[in-house]
PDB file of N, CA and C in Angstrom:
ATOM      1  N   UNK A   1       0.842  -1.175   0.000  1.00  0.00           N
ATOM      2  CA  UNK A   1       0.000   0.000   0.000  1.00  0.00           C
ATOM      3  C   UNK A   1       0.890   1.242   0.000  1.00  0.00           C
ATOM      4  N   UNK A   2       0.573   2.202  -0.833  1.00  0.00           N
ATOM      5  CA  UNK A   2       1.346   3.431  -0.931  1.00  0.00           C
ATOM      6  C   UNK A   2       0.558   4.561  -0.264  1.00  0.00           C
ATOM      7  N   UNK A   3       1.233   5.302   0.580  1.00  0.00           N
ATOM      8  CA  UNK A   3       0.588   6.400   1.290  1.00  0.00           C
ATOM      9  C   UNK A   3       1.078   7.719   0.722  1.00  0.00           C
ATOM     10  N   UNK A   4       0.177   8.499   0.166  1.00  0.00           N
ATOM     11  CA  UNK A   4       0.509   9.838  -0.312  1.00  0.00           C
ATOM     12  C   UNK A   4       0.400  10.788   0.872  1.00  0.00           C
ATOM     13  N   UNK A   5       1.368  11.650   1.026  1.00  0.00           N
ATOM     14  CA  UNK A   5       1.332  12.555   2.170  1.00  0.00           C
ATOM     15  C   UNK A   5       1.665  11.837   3.461  1.00  0.00           C
ATOM     16  N   UNK A   6       2.641  10.938   3.409  1.00  0.00           N
ATOM     17  CA  UNK A   6       3.017  10.133   4.569  1.00  0.00           C
ATOM     18  C   UNK A   6       3.966  10.938   5.453  1.00  0.00           C
ATOM     19  N   UNK A   7       3.386  11.879   6.178  1.00  0.00           N
ATOM     20  CA  UNK A   7       4.158  12.778   7.029  1.00  0.00           C
ATOM     21  C   UNK A   7       3.896  12.457   8.491  1.00  0.00           C
ATOM     22  N   UNK A   8       4.901  12.654   9.330  1.00  0.00           N
ATOM     23  CA  UNK A   8       4.820  12.258  10.737  1.00  0.00           C
ATOM     24  C   UNK A   8       3.698  12.958  11.488  1.00  0.00           C
ATOM     25  N   UNK A   9       3.316  14.158  11.064  1.00  0.00           N
ATOM     26  CA  UNK A   9       2.235  14.874  11.755  1.00  0.00           C
ATOM     27  C   UNK A   9       0.856  14.321  11.419  1.00  0.00           C
ATOM     28  N   UNK A  10       0.752  13.560  10.330  1.00  0.00           N
ATOM     29  CA  UNK A  10      -0.561  13.136   9.850  1.00  0.00           C
ATOM     30  C   UNK A  10      -0.866  11.657  10.025  1.00  0.00           C
ATOM     31  N   UNK A  11       0.150  10.817  10.205  1.00  0.00           N
ATOM     32  CA  UNK A  11      -0.080   9.373  10.288  1.00  0.00           C
ATOM     33  C   UNK A  11       0.538   8.813  11.565  1.00  0.00           C
ATOM     34  N   UNK A  12      -0.119   7.806  12.106  1.00  0.00           N
ATOM     35  CA  UNK A  12       0.406   7.163  13.316  1.00  0.00           C
ATOM     36  C   UNK A  12       1.573   6.256  12.937  1.00  0.00           C
ATOM     37  N   UNK A  13       2.525   6.060  13.850  1.00  0.00           N
ATOM     38  CA  UNK A  13       3.719   5.251  13.559  1.00  0.00           C
ATOM     39  C   UNK A  13       3.428   3.809  13.140  1.00  0.00           C
ATOM     40  N   UNK A  14       2.262   3.278  13.479  1.00  0.00           N
ATOM     41  CA  UNK A  14       1.965   1.888  13.123  1.00  0.00           C
ATOM     42  C   UNK A  14       1.892   1.687  11.606  1.00  0.00           C
ATOM     43  N   UNK A  15       1.794   2.769  10.809  1.00  0.00           N
ATOM     44  CA  UNK A  15       1.767   2.643   9.360  1.00  0.00           C
ATOM     45  C   UNK A  15       3.174   2.539   8.771  1.00  0.00           C
ATOM     46  N   UNK A  16       4.201   2.705   9.586  1.00  0.00           N
ATOM     47  CA  UNK A  16       5.576   2.590   9.112  1.00  0.00           C
ATOM     48  C   UNK A  16       6.348   3.877   9.316  1.00  0.00           C
ATOM     49  N   UNK A  17       7.472   3.983   8.626  1.00  0.00           N
ATOM     50  CA  UNK A  17       8.320   5.160   8.744  1.00  0.00           C
ATOM     51  C   UNK A  17       7.825   6.268   7.824  1.00  0.00           C
ATOM     52  N   UNK A  18       7.457   7.377   8.412  1.00  0.00           N
ATOM     53  CA  UNK A  18       6.992   8.524   7.637  1.00  0.00           C
ATOM     54  C   UNK A  18       8.127   9.085   6.806  1.00  0.00           C
ATOM     55  N   UNK A  19       7.779   9.842   5.755  1.00  0.00           N
ATOM     56  CA  UNK A  19       8.787  10.475   4.893  1.00  0.00           C
ATOM     57  C   UNK A  19       9.507  11.592   5.628  1.00  0.00           C
ATOM     58  N   UNK A  20       8.958  12.027   6.735  1.00  0.00           N
ATOM     59  CA  UNK A  20       9.532  13.127   7.504  1.00  0.00           C
ATOM     60  C   UNK A  20       8.431  14.082   7.910  1.00  0.00           C
ATOM     61  N   UNK A  21       8.841  15.271   8.280  1.00  0.00           N
ATOM     62  CA  UNK A  21       7.883  16.292   8.702  1.00  0.00           C
ATOM     63  C   UNK A  21       7.231  16.956   7.501  1.00  0.00           C
ATOM     64  N   UNK A  22       5.989  17.287   7.640  1.00  0.00           N
ATOM     65  CA  UNK A  22       5.240  18.031   6.621  1.00  0.00           C
ATOM     66  C   UNK A  22       5.979  19.307   6.243  1.00  0.00           C
ATOM     67  N   UNK A  23       6.571  19.942   7.223  1.00  0.00           N
ATOM     68  CA  UNK A  23       7.283  21.205   6.997  1.00  0.00           C
ATOM     69  C   UNK A  23       8.460  21.065   6.019  1.00  0.00           C
ATOM     70  N   UNK A  24       9.027  19.871   5.955  1.00  0.00           N
ATOM     71  CA  UNK A  24      10.163  19.621   5.068  1.00  0.00           C
ATOM     72  C   UNK A  24       9.755  19.458   3.604  1.00  0.00           C
ATOM     73  N   UNK A  25       8.459  19.395   3.338  1.00  0.00           N
ATOM     74  CA  UNK A  25       7.972  19.147   1.976  1.00  0.00           C
ATOM     75  C   UNK A  25       7.152  20.318   1.430  1.00  0.00           C
ATOM     76  N   UNK A  26       7.361  21.500   1.985  1.00  0.00           N
ATOM     77  CA  UNK A  26       6.692  22.692   1.477  1.00  0.00           C
ATOM     78  C   UNK A  26       7.536  23.254   0.340  1.00  0.00           C
ATOM     79  N   UNK A  27       6.907  23.430  -0.812  1.00  0.00           N
ATOM     80  CA  UNK A  27       7.607  23.929  -1.995  1.00  0.00           C
ATOM     81  C   UNK A  27       7.505  25.453  -2.060  1.00  0.00           C
ATOM     82  N   UNK A  28       8.449  26.110  -2.727  1.00  0.00           N
ATOM     83  CA  UNK A  28       8.394  27.574  -2.842  1.00  0.00           C
ATOM     84  C   UNK A  28       7.217  28.064  -3.693  1.00  0.00           C
ATOM     85  N   UNK A  29       6.805  27.261  -4.674  1.00  0.00           N
ATOM     86  CA  UNK A  29       5.658  27.628  -5.507  1.00  0.00           C
ATOM     87  C   UNK A  29       4.719  26.434  -5.627  1.00  0.00           C
ATOM     88  N   UNK A  30       3.486  26.717  -5.973  1.00  0.00           N
ATOM     89  CA  UNK A  30       2.478  25.663  -6.145  1.00  0.00           C
ATOM     90  C   UNK A  30       2.713  24.902  -7.442  1.00  0.00           C
ATOM     91  N   UNK A  31       2.163  23.710  -7.505  1.00  0.00           N
ATOM     92  CA  UNK A  31       2.141  22.972  -8.768  1.00  0.00           C
ATOM     93  C   UNK A  31       1.331  23.786  -9.777  1.00  0.00           C
ATOM     94  N   UNK A  32       1.743  23.758 -11.037  1.00  0.00           N
ATOM     95  CA  UNK A  32       0.967  24.434 -12.080  1.00  0.00           C
ATOM     96  C   UNK A  32      -0.431  23.842 -12.191  1.00  0.00           C
ATOM     97  N   UNK A  33      -0.543  22.561 -11.904  1.00  0.00           N
ATOM     98  CA  UNK A  33      -1.818  21.855 -11.990  1.00  0.00           C
ATOM     99  C   UNK A  33      -2.416  21.596 -10.598  1.00  0.00           C
ATOM    100  N   UNK A  34      -2.163  22.501  -9.661  1.00  0.00           N
ATOM    101  CA  UNK A  34      -2.637  22.316  -8.278  1.00  0.00           C
ATOM    102  C   UNK A  34      -4.148  22.147  -8.200  1.00  0.00           C
ATOM    103  N   UNK A  35      -4.892  22.848  -9.034  1.00  0.00           N
ATOM    104  CA  UNK A  35      -6.356  22.734  -9.006  1.00  0.00           C
ATOM    105  C   UNK A  35      -6.795  21.321  -9.379  1.00  0.00           C
ATOM    106  N   UNK A  36      -6.209  20.756 -10.433  1.00  0.00           N
ATOM    107  CA  UNK A  36      -6.568  19.401 -10.855  1.00  0.00           C
ATOM    108  C   UNK A  36      -6.120  18.368  -9.825  1.00  0.00           C
ATOM    109  N   UNK A  37      -4.949  18.569  -9.230  1.00  0.00           N
ATOM    110  CA  UNK A  37      -4.464  17.657  -8.184  1.00  0.00           C
ATOM    111  C   UNK A  37      -5.420  17.681  -7.002  1.00  0.00           C
ATOM    112  N   UNK A  38      -5.820  18.879  -6.604  1.00  0.00           N
ATOM    113  CA  UNK A  38      -6.757  19.027  -5.483  1.00  0.00           C
ATOM    114  C   UNK A  38      -8.077  18.331  -5.787  1.00  0.00           C
ATOM    115  N   UNK A  39      -8.588  18.507  -6.989  1.00  0.00           N
ATOM    116  CA  UNK A  39      -9.848  17.862  -7.363  1.00  0.00           C
ATOM    117  C   UNK A  39      -9.716  16.342  -7.334  1.00  0.00           C
ATOM    118  N   UNK A  40      -8.579  15.825  -7.763  1.00  0.00           N
ATOM    119  CA  UNK A  40      -8.333  14.380  -7.726  1.00  0.00           C
ATOM    120  C   UNK A  40      -8.361  13.882  -6.284  1.00  0.00           C
ATOM    121  N   UNK A  41      -7.658  14.584  -5.412  1.00  0.00           N
ATOM    122  CA  UNK A  41      -7.613  14.185  -4.000  1.00  0.00           C
ATOM    123  C   UNK A  41      -8.999  14.194  -3.370  1.00  0.00           C
ATOM    124  N   UNK A  42      -9.795  15.193  -3.706  1.00  0.00           N
ATOM    125  CA  UNK A  42     -11.148  15.291  -3.158  1.00  0.00           C
ATOM    126  C   UNK A  42     -12.081  14.209  -3.722  1.00  0.00           C
ATOM    127  N   UNK A  43     -11.767  13.690  -4.905  1.00  0.00           N
ATOM    128  CA  UNK A  43     -12.624  12.698  -5.567  1.00  0.00           C
ATOM    129  C   UNK A  43     -12.325  11.265  -5.142  1.00  0.00           C
ATOM    130  N   UNK A  44     -11.362  11.069  -4.257  1.00  0.00           N
ATOM    131  CA  UNK A  44     -10.988   9.718  -3.849  1.00  0.00           C
ATOM    132  C   UNK A  44     -12.140   8.912  -3.277  1.00  0.00           C
ATOM    133  N   UNK A  45     -12.015   7.604  -3.362  1.00  0.00           N
ATOM    134  CA  UNK A  45     -13.016   6.691  -2.804  1.00  0.00           C
ATOM    135  C   UNK A  45     -12.813   6.619  -1.292  1.00  0.00           C
ATOM    136  N   UNK A  46     -13.889   6.800  -0.544  1.00  0.00           N
ATOM    137  CA  UNK A  46     -13.778   6.778   0.917  1.00  0.00           C
ATOM    138  C   UNK A  46     -13.503   5.364   1.413  1.00  0.00           C
ATOM    139  N   UNK A  47     -12.468   5.264   2.230  1.00  0.00           N
ATOM    140  CA  UNK A  47     -12.104   4.001   2.861  1.00  0.00           C
ATOM    141  C   UNK A  47     -12.551   4.018   4.314  1.00  0.00           C
ATOM    142  N   UNK A  48     -12.299   5.122   4.945  1.00  0.00           N
ATOM    143  CA  UNK A  48     -12.622   5.288   6.366  1.00  0.00           C
ATOM    144  C   UNK A  48     -13.090   6.725   6.539  1.00  0.00           C
ATOM    145  N   UNK A  49     -14.321   6.892   6.957  1.00  0.00           N
ATOM    146  CA  UNK A  49     -14.899   8.226   7.065  1.00  0.00           C
ATOM    147  C   UNK A  49     -14.970   8.668   8.531  1.00  0.00           C
ATOM    148  N   UNK A  50     -14.458   9.871   8.784  1.00  0.00           N
ATOM    149  CA  UNK A  50     -14.460  10.417  10.135  1.00  0.00           C
ATOM    150  C   UNK A  50     -15.244  11.725  10.125  1.00  0.00           C
ATOM    151  N   UNK A  51     -16.267  11.788  10.946  1.00  0.00           N
ATOM    152  CA  UNK A  51     -17.016  13.034  11.079  1.00  0.00           C
ATOM    153  C   UNK A  51     -16.205  13.996  11.937  1.00  0.00           C
ATOM    154  N   UNK A  52     -16.389  15.258  11.694  1.00  0.00           N
ATOM    155  CA  UNK A  52     -15.672  16.259  12.460  1.00  0.00           C
ATOM    156  C   UNK A  52     -14.636  16.943  11.596  1.00  0.00           C
ATOM    157  N   UNK A  53     -13.771  17.674  12.249  1.00  0.00           N
ATOM    158  CA  UNK A  53     -12.761  18.415  11.501  1.00  0.00           C
ATOM    159  C   UNK A  53     -11.388  18.215  12.127  1.00  0.00           C
ATOM    160  N   UNK A  54     -10.376  18.409  11.308  1.00  0.00           N
ATOM    161  CA  UNK A  54      -9.001  18.323  11.796  1.00  0.00           C
ATOM    162  C   UNK A  54      -8.367  19.696  11.666  1.00  0.00           C
ATOM    163  N   UNK A  55      -7.566  20.027  12.638  1.00  0.00           N
ATOM    164  CA  UNK A  55      -6.915  21.328  12.675  1.00  0.00           C
ATOM    165  C   UNK A  55      -5.657  21.311  11.806  1.00  0.00           C
ATOM    166  N   UNK A  56      -5.383  22.413  11.151  1.00  0.00           N
ATOM    167  CA  UNK A  56      -4.179  22.554  10.343  1.00  0.00           C
ATOM    168  C   UNK A  56      -2.961  22.415  11.257  1.00  0.00           C
ATOM    169  N   UNK A  57      -2.176  21.361  11.037  1.00  0.00           N
ATOM    170  CA  UNK A  57      -1.016  21.113  11.895  1.00  0.00           C
ATOM    171  C   UNK A  57       0.110  22.113  11.646  1.00  0.00           C
ATOM    172  N   UNK A  58      -0.011  22.914  10.598  1.00  0.00           N
ATOM    173  CA  UNK A  58       0.995  23.932  10.315  1.00  0.00           C
ATOM    174  C   UNK A  58       0.644  25.276  10.938  1.00  0.00           C
ATOM    175  N   UNK A  59      -0.482  25.324  11.675  1.00  0.00           N
ATOM    176  CA  UNK A  59      -0.774  26.469  12.509  1.00  0.00           C
ATOM    177  C   UNK A  59      -1.534  27.633  11.904  1.00  0.00           C
ATOM    178  N   UNK A  60      -2.233  27.434  10.791  1.00  0.00           N
ATOM    179  CA  UNK A  60      -2.998  28.546  10.208  1.00  0.00           C
ATOM    180  C   UNK A  60      -4.244  28.874  11.014  1.00  0.00           C
ATOM    181  N   UNK A  61      -4.656  27.950  11.884  1.00  0.00           N
ATOM    182  CA  UNK A  61      -5.891  28.138  12.638  1.00  0.00           C
ATOM    183  C   UNK A  61      -7.121  27.626  11.897  1.00  0.00           C
ATOM    184  N   UNK A  62      -6.954  27.200  10.658  1.00  0.00           N
ATOM    185  CA  UNK A  62      -8.065  26.667   9.868  1.00  0.00           C
ATOM    186  C   UNK A  62      -8.290  25.206  10.213  1.00  0.00           C
ATOM    187  N   UNK A  63      -9.502  24.741   9.942  1.00  0.00           N
ATOM    188  CA  UNK A  63      -9.829  23.333  10.127  1.00  0.00           C
ATOM    189  C   UNK A  63     -10.369  22.771   8.818  1.00  0.00           C
ATOM    190  N   UNK A  64     -10.276  21.450   8.678  1.00  0.00           N
ATOM    191  CA  UNK A  64     -10.725  20.771   7.469  1.00  0.00           C
ATOM    192  C   UNK A  64     -11.758  19.720   7.856  1.00  0.00           C
ATOM    193  N   UNK A  65     -12.972  19.869   7.331  1.00  0.00           N
ATOM    194  CA  UNK A  65     -14.009  18.876   7.593  1.00  0.00           C
ATOM    195  C   UNK A  65     -13.598  17.531   7.013  1.00  0.00           C
ATOM    196  N   UNK A  66     -13.739  16.486   7.808  1.00  0.00           N
ATOM    197  CA  UNK A  66     -13.391  15.135   7.359  1.00  0.00           C
ATOM    198  C   UNK A  66     -11.906  14.922   7.150  1.00  0.00           C
ATOM    199  N   UNK A  67     -11.078  15.758   7.714  1.00  0.00           N
ATOM    200  CA  UNK A  67      -9.635  15.675   7.503  1.00  0.00           C
ATOM    201  C   UNK A  67      -8.999  14.378   7.962  1.00  0.00           C
ATOM    202  N   UNK A  68      -9.579  13.731   8.954  1.00  0.00           N
ATOM    203  CA  UNK A  68      -9.024  12.475   9.463  1.00  0.00           C
ATOM    204  C   UNK A  68      -9.526  11.253   8.698  1.00  0.00           C
ATOM    205  N   UNK A  69     -10.373  11.471   7.697  1.00  0.00           N
ATOM    206  CA  UNK A  69     -10.861  10.372   6.865  1.00  0.00           C
ATOM    207  C   UNK A  69      -9.727   9.843   5.999  1.00  0.00           C
ATOM    208  N   UNK A  70      -9.913   8.652   5.436  1.00  0.00           N
ATOM    209  CA  UNK A  70      -8.927   8.054   4.548  1.00  0.00           C
ATOM    210  C   UNK A  70      -9.585   7.803   3.198  1.00  0.00           C
ATOM    211  N   UNK A  71      -8.900   8.220   2.130  1.00  0.00           N
ATOM    212  CA  UNK A  71      -9.395   8.068   0.764  1.00  0.00           C
ATOM    213  C   UNK A  71      -8.397   7.248  -0.043  1.00  0.00           C
ATOM    214  N   UNK A  72      -8.834   6.764  -1.206  1.00  0.00           N
ATOM    215  CA  UNK A  72      -7.960   5.966  -2.051  1.00  0.00           C
ATOM    216  C   UNK A  72      -8.359   6.065  -3.515  1.00  0.00           C
ATOM    217  N   UNK A  73      -7.379   5.789  -4.378  1.00  0.00           N
ATOM    218  CA  UNK A  73      -7.667   5.646  -5.809  1.00  0.00           C
ATOM    219  C   UNK A  73      -7.481   4.188  -6.231  1.00  0.00           C
ATOM    220  N   UNK A  74      -7.369   3.311  -5.260  1.00  0.00           N
ATOM    221  CA  UNK A  74      -7.180   1.890  -5.523  1.00  0.00           C
ATOM    222  C   UNK A  74      -5.727   1.452  -5.429  1.00  0.00           C
ATOM    223  N   UNK A  75      -4.824   2.392  -5.541  1.00  0.00           N
ATOM    224  CA  UNK A  75      -3.389   2.096  -5.435  1.00  0.00           C
ATOM    225  C   UNK A  75      -2.750   2.877  -4.285  1.00  0.00           C
ATOM    226  N   UNK A  76      -3.147   4.112  -4.143  1.00  0.00           N
ATOM    227  CA  UNK A  76      -2.626   5.007  -3.107  1.00  0.00           C
ATOM    228  C   UNK A  76      -3.724   5.299  -2.091  1.00  0.00           C
ATOM    229  N   UNK A  77      -3.321   5.574  -0.853  1.00  0.00           N
ATOM    230  CA  UNK A  77      -4.258   6.074   0.153  1.00  0.00           C
ATOM    231  C   UNK A  77      -3.734   7.418   0.649  1.00  0.00           C
ATOM    232  N   UNK A  78      -4.655   8.258   1.132  1.00  0.00           N
ATOM    233  CA  UNK A  78      -4.290   9.563   1.684  1.00  0.00           C
ATOM    234  C   UNK A  78      -5.361  10.026   2.636  1.00  0.00           C
ATOM    235  N   UNK A  79      -5.000  10.959   3.471  1.00  0.00           N
ATOM    236  CA  UNK A  79      -5.941  11.544   4.425  1.00  0.00           C
ATOM    237  C   UNK A  79      -6.857  12.526   3.701  1.00  0.00           C
ATOM    238  N   UNK A  80      -8.011  12.726   4.296  1.00  0.00           N
ATOM    239  CA  UNK A  80      -8.988  13.647   3.723  1.00  0.00           C
ATOM    240  C   UNK A  80      -8.536  15.088   3.695  1.00  0.00           C
ATOM    241  N   UNK A  81      -7.529  15.444   4.469  1.00  0.00           N
ATOM    242  CA  UNK A  81      -7.058  16.830   4.475  1.00  0.00           C
ATOM    243  C   UNK A  81      -5.821  17.059   3.614  1.00  0.00           C
ATOM    244  N   UNK A  82      -5.377  16.049   2.870  1.00  0.00           N
ATOM    245  CA  UNK A  82      -4.180  16.225   2.055  1.00  0.00           C
ATOM    246  C   UNK A  82      -4.367  17.325   1.015  1.00  0.00           C
ATOM    247  N   UNK A  83      -5.563  17.391   0.437  1.00  0.00           N
ATOM    248  CA  UNK A  83      -5.833  18.452  -0.545  1.00  0.00           C
ATOM    249  C   UNK A  83      -5.553  19.831   0.046  1.00  0.00           C
ATOM    250  N   UNK A  84      -5.924  20.022   1.312  1.00  0.00           N
ATOM    251  CA  UNK A  84      -5.753  21.301   1.998  1.00  0.00           C
ATOM    252  C   UNK A  84      -4.278  21.706   2.056  1.00  0.00           C
ATOM    253  N   UNK A  85      -3.424  20.740   2.365  1.00  0.00           N
ATOM    254  CA  UNK A  85      -1.996  21.024   2.476  1.00  0.00           C
ATOM    255  C   UNK A  85      -1.366  21.288   1.100  1.00  0.00           C
ATOM    256  N   UNK A  86      -1.828  20.600   0.079  1.00  0.00           N
ATOM    257  CA  UNK A  86      -1.345  20.847  -1.280  1.00  0.00           C
ATOM    258  C   UNK A  86      -1.789  22.239  -1.732  1.00  0.00           C
ATOM    259  N   UNK A  87      -3.042  22.568  -1.515  1.00  0.00           N
ATOM    260  CA  UNK A  87      -3.610  23.833  -1.995  1.00  0.00           C
ATOM    261  C   UNK A  87      -3.131  25.038  -1.183  1.00  0.00           C
ATOM    262  N   UNK A  88      -3.141  24.925   0.126  1.00  0.00           N
ATOM    263  CA  UNK A  88      -2.845  26.078   0.984  1.00  0.00           C
ATOM    264  C   UNK A  88      -1.375  26.225   1.366  1.00  0.00           C
ATOM    265  N   UNK A  89      -0.657  25.111   1.423  1.00  0.00           N
ATOM    266  CA  UNK A  89       0.728  25.167   1.896  1.00  0.00           C
ATOM    267  C   UNK A  89       1.746  24.686   0.858  1.00  0.00           C
ATOM    268  N   UNK A  90       1.288  24.343  -0.339  1.00  0.00           N
ATOM    269  CA  UNK A  90       2.182  23.927  -1.432  1.00  0.00           C
ATOM    270  C   UNK A  90       3.007  22.689  -1.062  1.00  0.00           C
ATOM    271  N   UNK A  91       2.369  21.740  -0.410  1.00  0.00           N
ATOM    272  CA  UNK A  91       3.062  20.526   0.018  1.00  0.00           C
ATOM    273  C   UNK A  91       3.320  19.614  -1.182  1.00  0.00           C
ATOM    274  N   UNK A  92       4.522  19.104  -1.229  1.00  0.00           N
ATOM    275  CA  UNK A  92       4.975  18.228  -2.310  1.00  0.00           C
ATOM    276  C   UNK A  92       4.452  16.814  -2.115  1.00  0.00           C
ATOM    277  N   UNK A  93       3.991  16.206  -3.206  1.00  0.00           N
ATOM    278  CA  UNK A  93       3.514  14.826  -3.199  1.00  0.00           C
ATOM    279  C   UNK A  93       4.545  13.922  -3.871  1.00  0.00           C
ATOM    280  N   UNK A  94       4.474  12.616  -3.627  1.00  0.00           N
ATOM    281  CA  UNK A  94       5.398  11.692  -4.296  1.00  0.00           C
ATOM    282  C   UNK A  94       5.247  11.781  -5.823  1.00  0.00           C
ATOM    283  N   UNK A  95       6.353  11.808  -6.519  1.00  0.00           N
ATOM    284  CA  UNK A  95       6.338  11.940  -7.983  1.00  0.00           C
ATOM    285  C   UNK A  95       5.559  10.804  -8.640  1.00  0.00           C
ATOM    286  N   UNK A  96       5.691   9.602  -8.088  1.00  0.00           N
ATOM    287  CA  UNK A  96       4.970   8.445  -8.640  1.00  0.00           C
ATOM    288  C   UNK A  96       3.453   8.645  -8.567  1.00  0.00           C
ATOM    289  N   UNK A  97       2.986   9.252  -7.489  1.00  0.00           N
ATOM    290  CA  UNK A  97       1.555   9.529  -7.319  1.00  0.00           C
ATOM    291  C   UNK A  97       1.107  10.598  -8.325  1.00  0.00           C
ATOM    292  N   UNK A  98       1.905  11.641  -8.485  1.00  0.00           N
ATOM    293  CA  UNK A  98       1.582  12.697  -9.453  1.00  0.00           C
ATOM    294  C   UNK A  98       1.549  12.138 -10.874  1.00  0.00           C
ATOM    295  N   UNK A  99       2.483  11.263 -11.189  1.00  0.00           N
ATOM    296  CA  UNK A  99       2.520  10.650 -12.521  1.00  0.00           C
ATOM    297  C   UNK A  99       1.248   9.865 -12.775  1.00  0.00           C
ATOM    298  N   UNK A 100       0.791   9.135 -11.774  1.00  0.00           N
ATOM    299  CA  UNK A 100      -0.453   8.360 -11.910  1.00  0.00           C
ATOM    300  C   UNK A 100      -1.639   9.281 -12.174  1.00  0.00           C
ATOM    301  N   UNK A 101      -1.760  10.347 -11.385  1.00  0.00           N
ATOM    302  CA  UNK A 101      -2.867  11.305 -11.563  1.00  0.00           C
ATOM    303  C   UNK A 101      -2.855  11.885 -12.969  1.00  0.00           C
ATOM    304  N   UNK A 102      -1.696  12.357 -13.365  1.00  0.00           N
ATOM    305  CA  UNK A 102      -1.576  13.036 -14.664  1.00  0.00           C
ATOM    306  C   UNK A 102      -1.820  12.072 -15.818  1.00  0.00           C
ATOM    307  N   UNK A 103      -1.343  10.838 -15.696  1.00  0.00           N
ATOM    308  CA  UNK A 103      -1.555   9.838 -16.747  1.00  0.00           C
ATOM    309  C   UNK A 103      -3.036   9.519 -16.918  1.00  0.00           C
ATOM    310  N   UNK A 104      -3.792   9.643 -15.840  1.00  0.00           N
ATOM    311  CA  UNK A 104      -5.245   9.405 -15.873  1.00  0.00           C
ATOM    312  C   UNK A 104      -6.029  10.679 -16.128  1.00  0.00           C
ATOM    313  N   UNK A 105      -5.329  11.750 -16.569  1.00  0.00           N
ATOM    314  CA  UNK A 105      -5.976  13.051 -16.809  1.00  0.00           C
ATOM    315  C   UNK A 105      -6.761  13.526 -15.599  1.00  0.00           C
ATOM    316  N   UNK A 106      -6.245  13.225 -14.407  1.00  0.00           N
ATOM    317  CA  UNK A 106      -6.814  13.655 -13.129  1.00  0.00           C
ATOM    318  C   UNK A 106      -8.200  13.060 -12.864  1.00  0.00           C
ATOM    319  N   UNK A 107      -8.551  12.010 -13.586  1.00  0.00           N
ATOM    320  CA  UNK A 107      -9.840  11.352 -13.378  1.00  0.00           C
ATOM    321  C   UNK A 107      -9.646  10.189 -12.413  1.00  0.00           C
ATOM    322  N   UNK A 108     -10.491  10.136 -11.391  1.00  0.00           N
ATOM    323  CA  UNK A 108     -10.410   9.065 -10.400  1.00  0.00           C
ATOM    324  C   UNK A 108     -10.770   7.743 -11.073  1.00  0.00           C
ATOM    325  N   UNK A 109      -9.922   6.710 -10.916  1.00  0.00           N
ATOM    326  CA  UNK A 109     -10.263   5.402 -11.476  1.00  0.00           C
ATOM    327  C   UNK A 109     -11.581   4.890 -10.900  1.00  0.00           C
ATOM    328  N   UNK A 110     -12.264   4.077 -11.673  1.00  0.00           N
ATOM    329  CA  UNK A 110     -13.536   3.508 -11.234  1.00  0.00           C
ATOM    330  C   UNK A 110     -13.336   2.725  -9.940  1.00  0.00           C
ATOM    331  N   UNK A 111     -14.349   2.714  -9.135  1.00  0.00           N
ATOM    332  CA  UNK A 111     -14.305   2.002  -7.864  1.00  0.00           C
ATOM    333  C   UNK A 111     -14.228   0.501  -8.107  1.00  0.00           C
ATOM    334  N   UNK A 112     -13.306  -0.145  -7.427  1.00  0.00           N
ATOM    335  CA  UNK A 112     -13.167  -1.591  -7.453  1.00  0.00           C
ATOM    336  C   UNK A 112     -13.445  -2.048  -6.024  1.00  0.00           C
ATOM    337  N   UNK A 113     -14.647  -2.537  -5.795  1.00  0.00           N
ATOM    338  CA  UNK A 113     -15.086  -2.841  -4.435  1.00  0.00           C
ATOM    339  C   UNK A 113     -14.171  -3.827  -3.713  1.00  0.00           C
ATOM    340  N   UNK A 114     -13.766  -4.895  -4.375  1.00  0.00           N
ATOM    341  CA  UNK A 114     -12.903  -5.892  -3.728  1.00  0.00           C
ATOM    342  C   UNK A 114     -11.559  -5.268  -3.325  1.00  0.00           C
ATOM    343  N   UNK A 115     -11.006  -4.460  -4.196  1.00  0.00           N
ATOM    344  CA  UNK A 115      -9.744  -3.797  -3.911  1.00  0.00           C
ATOM    345  C   UNK A 115      -9.892  -2.831  -2.733  1.00  0.00           C
ATOM    346  N   UNK A 116     -10.986  -2.074  -2.706  1.00  0.00           N
ATOM    347  CA  UNK A 116     -11.205  -1.112  -1.634  1.00  0.00           C
ATOM    348  C   UNK A 116     -11.451  -1.808  -0.295  1.00  0.00           C
ATOM    349  N   UNK A 117     -12.064  -2.980  -0.313  1.00  0.00           N
ATOM    350  CA  UNK A 117     -12.257  -3.747   0.918  1.00  0.00           C
ATOM    351  C   UNK A 117     -10.897  -4.168   1.471  1.00  0.00           C
ATOM    352  N   UNK A 118      -9.998  -4.602   0.598  1.00  0.00           N
ATOM    353  CA  UNK A 118      -8.659  -4.988   1.040  1.00  0.00           C
ATOM    354  C   UNK A 118      -7.908  -3.787   1.617  1.00  0.00           C
ATOM    355  N   UNK A 119      -8.066  -2.636   0.994  1.00  0.00           N
ATOM    356  CA  UNK A 119      -7.439  -1.414   1.500  1.00  0.00           C
ATOM    357  C   UNK A 119      -8.012  -1.064   2.864  1.00  0.00           C
ATOM    358  N   UNK A 120      -9.334  -1.207   3.012  1.00  0.00           N
ATOM    359  CA  UNK A 120      -9.980  -0.903   4.298  1.00  0.00           C
ATOM    360  C   UNK A 120      -9.440  -1.818   5.397  1.00  0.00           C
ATOM    361  N   UNK A 121      -9.210  -3.079   5.090  1.00  0.00           N
ATOM    362  CA  UNK A 121      -8.636  -3.995   6.068  1.00  0.00           C
ATOM    363  C   UNK A 121      -7.247  -3.535   6.486  1.00  0.00           C
ATOM    364  N   UNK A 122      -6.457  -3.089   5.526  1.00  0.00           N
ATOM    365  CA  UNK A 122      -5.111  -2.598   5.799  1.00  0.00           C
ATOM    366  C   UNK A 122      -5.145  -1.380   6.705  1.00  0.00           C
ATOM    367  N   UNK A 123      -6.035  -0.457   6.404  1.00  0.00           N
ATOM    368  CA  UNK A 123      -6.128   0.801   7.154  1.00  0.00           C
ATOM    369  C   UNK A 123      -6.604   0.563   8.582  1.00  0.00           C
ATOM    370  N   UNK A 124      -7.467  -0.405   8.803  1.00  0.00           N
ATOM    371  CA  UNK A 124      -8.045  -0.651  10.121  1.00  0.00           C
ATOM    372  C   UNK A 124      -7.109  -1.410  11.041  1.00  0.00           C
ATOM    373  N   UNK A 125      -6.035  -1.927  10.531  1.00  0.00           N
ATOM    374  CA  UNK A 125      -5.092  -2.695  11.372  1.00  0.00           C
ATOM    375  C   UNK A 125      -4.322  -1.793  12.275  1.00  0.00           C
TER     376      UNK A 125
END
């Protein structure tokens, strides 16, 4: 399972070794296609839904509804607030994940129920 946005502030250690701090992955400028990337992240298939909001760990004072939820495109998983960090803080994503999005013209792959069930089992462990 590949985790997009695998930063120590956003994921518990039981998922493995994080890529580092979110602060270390802030880019000087936004992606040229940040809007399409954000839309892709928001369109993910829900794996684990959490009601409520999560606070911006970078200290803006903003909150994100459903930020602690987990989404997937069938290959990658990410938190529901990852879009917020990409859009508002210019956070860098794994190149392999960006390549997948762009190759699919930013369209979320069709839901594969069996695959998503397996992902849900992984996330709940």
